[in-house]
Every structure is written in C-alpha cells, then in structure tokens.
Amino acid sequence: MSTKSIDQVLEQHTADWMAVPGVVGTGIGHCEGRPCIKIFVAKKTESLLQKLPVEQDGYLVDVIETGEIRPR
C-alpha cells in the first residue's frame, strides 16, 4: 500500500490523466471493498486504456465510460 493518501495520489496525477484525450474526469470510489481511483472517459477504447494505469501508488484504478460531460 502507498504511503500517500488516496487524496494525495489523485491530486498528484489528475492533471496528467486529464491531459489524455478522452478523459473527462477523475474521482475516488470503492473497488472490491477498498478505496480506489476512478477515471471517467468519454468512450472506453483499447488505445485509451493502454494510456491509463490499472493501479497508481498502490491504489486500484477503475476506468468508467460516461460519455461526454458538459457543464449546464
């Protein structure tokens, strides 16, 4: 497990993940009963998944397809 909190890991890496075309957001959730990082994408594709981690600093990463997110 990481010595960093999940909040610290999210803060440290969000800008890099958001710079990947197709990523529309990040957050914290639960995976398999443990805290995990959620990366929200407009469309989940194999090429996009290859650019994102499956774990970061000891925390699982869950990539979720949401479609485009637009402010109201």
C-alpha atoms as a PDB file:
ATOM      1  CA  MET A   1       0.000   0.000   0.000  1.00  0.00           C
ATOM      2  CA  SER A   2       1.091   3.546  -0.664  1.00  0.00           C
ATOM      3  CA  THR A   3       2.470   5.857   1.988  1.00  0.00           C
ATOM      4  CA  LYS A   4       0.396   8.584   0.290  1.00  0.00           C
ATOM      5  CA  SER A   5      -3.301   9.026   0.932  1.00  0.00           C
ATOM      6  CA  ILE A   6      -5.631   8.364  -1.987  1.00  0.00           C
ATOM      7  CA  ASP A   7      -6.434  12.103  -1.994  1.00  0.00           C
ATOM      8  CA  GLN A   8      -2.727  12.915  -2.418  1.00  0.00           C
ATOM      9  CA  VAL A   9      -2.355  10.394  -5.251  1.00  0.00           C
ATOM     10  CA  LEU A  10      -5.427  11.778  -7.023  1.00  0.00           C
ATOM     11  CA  GLU A  11      -4.183  15.358  -6.648  1.00  0.00           C
ATOM     12  CA  GLN A  12      -0.708  14.439  -7.893  1.00  0.00           C
ATOM     13  CA  HIS A  13      -1.860  12.615 -11.048  1.00  0.00           C
ATOM     14  CA  THR A  14      -5.193  14.177 -12.119  1.00  0.00           C
ATOM     15  CA  ALA A  15      -3.634  16.831 -14.378  1.00  0.00           C
ATOM     16  CA  ASP A  16      -1.665  14.163 -16.280  1.00  0.00           C
ATOM     17  CA  TRP A  17      -4.721  11.936 -16.692  1.00  0.00           C
ATOM     18  CA  MET A  18      -6.908  14.868 -17.771  1.00  0.00           C
ATOM     19  CA  ALA A  19      -4.322  15.678 -20.466  1.00  0.00           C
ATOM     20  CA  VAL A  20      -5.051  12.304 -22.121  1.00  0.00           C
ATOM     21  CA  PRO A  21      -7.602  12.862 -24.920  1.00  0.00           C
ATOM     22  CA  GLY A  22     -10.890  11.219 -23.978  1.00  0.00           C
ATOM     23  CA  VAL A  23     -10.522  11.543 -20.195  1.00  0.00           C
ATOM     24  CA  VAL A  24     -13.346  13.696 -18.820  1.00  0.00           C
ATOM     25  CA  GLY A  25     -12.871  13.450 -15.053  1.00  0.00           C
ATOM     26  CA  THR A  26     -11.412  11.718 -12.006  1.00  0.00           C
ATOM     27  CA  GLY A  27     -12.621  10.821  -8.550  1.00  0.00           C
ATOM     28  CA  ILE A  28     -12.442   8.429  -5.623  1.00  0.00           C
ATOM     29  CA  GLY A  29     -14.701   5.438  -5.125  1.00  0.00           C
ATOM     30  CA  HIS A  30     -14.640   1.844  -3.925  1.00  0.00           C
ATOM     31  CA  CYS A  31     -13.439  -1.238  -5.806  1.00  0.00           C
ATOM     32  CA  GLU A  32     -13.612  -4.682  -4.240  1.00  0.00           C
ATOM     33  CA  GLY A  33     -14.401  -3.067  -0.883  1.00  0.00           C
ATOM     34  CA  ARG A  34     -11.321  -0.822  -0.919  1.00  0.00           C
ATOM     35  CA  PRO A  35     -10.817   2.840  -1.842  1.00  0.00           C
ATOM     36  CA  CYS A  36      -9.839   3.236  -5.498  1.00  0.00           C
ATOM     37  CA  ILE A  37      -9.307   5.906  -8.102  1.00  0.00           C
ATOM     38  CA  LYS A  38     -11.984   6.401 -10.752  1.00  0.00           C
ATOM     39  CA  ILE A  39     -11.015   7.788 -14.154  1.00  0.00           C
ATOM     40  CA  PHE A  40     -14.013   8.802 -16.258  1.00  0.00           C
ATOM     41  CA  VAL A  41     -13.703   8.627 -20.039  1.00  0.00           C
ATOM     42  CA  ALA A  42     -15.993   9.676 -22.879  1.00  0.00           C
ATOM     43  CA  LYS A  43     -15.561   6.312 -24.627  1.00  0.00           C
ATOM     44  CA  LYS A  44     -13.631   3.319 -23.305  1.00  0.00           C
ATOM     45  CA  THR A  45     -11.319   2.115 -26.060  1.00  0.00           C
ATOM     46  CA  GLU A  46      -8.353  -0.249 -26.018  1.00  0.00           C
ATOM     47  CA  SER A  47      -5.968   2.522 -27.102  1.00  0.00           C
ATOM     48  CA  LEU A  48      -7.202   4.785 -24.301  1.00  0.00           C
ATOM     49  CA  LEU A  49      -6.920   2.016 -21.701  1.00  0.00           C
ATOM     50  CA  GLN A  50      -3.292   1.499 -22.720  1.00  0.00           C
ATOM     51  CA  LYS A  51      -2.551   5.123 -21.753  1.00  0.00           C
ATOM     52  CA  LEU A  52      -4.051   4.822 -18.259  1.00  0.00           C
ATOM     53  CA  PRO A  53      -2.795   2.856 -15.249  1.00  0.00           C
ATOM     54  CA  VAL A  54      -4.541  -0.157 -13.723  1.00  0.00           C
ATOM     55  CA  GLU A  55      -3.080   0.883 -10.371  1.00  0.00           C
ATOM     56  CA  GLN A  56      -1.388   4.009  -9.110  1.00  0.00           C
ATOM     57  CA  ASP A  57       0.784   4.152  -5.994  1.00  0.00           C
ATOM     58  CA  GLY A  58      -0.885   1.042  -4.588  1.00  0.00           C
ATOM     59  CA  TYR A  59      -4.487   2.054  -5.356  1.00  0.00           C
ATOM     60  CA  LEU A  60      -6.583   0.265  -7.968  1.00  0.00           C
ATOM     61  CA  VAL A  61      -7.753   2.397 -10.897  1.00  0.00           C
ATOM     62  CA  ASP A  62     -11.219   1.861 -12.384  1.00  0.00           C
ATOM     63  CA  VAL A  63     -11.848   3.362 -15.835  1.00  0.00           C
ATOM     64  CA  ILE A  64     -15.522   4.169 -16.369  1.00  0.00           C
ATOM     65  CA  GLU A  65     -17.186   5.158 -19.661  1.00  0.00           C
ATOM     66  CA  THR A  66     -19.507   8.124 -19.065  1.00  0.00           C
ATOM     67  CA  GLY A  67     -19.837   9.759 -22.465  1.00  0.00           C
ATOM     68  CA  GLU A  68     -19.074  13.446 -22.860  1.00  0.00           C
ATOM     69  CA  ILE A  69     -19.550  15.555 -19.728  1.00  0.00           C
ATOM     70  CA  ARG A  70     -20.617  19.144 -20.355  1.00  0.00           C
ATOM     71  CA  PRO A  71     -21.380  21.943 -17.899  1.00  0.00           C
ATOM     72  CA  ARG A  72     -25.002  23.047 -17.767  1.00  0.00           C
END
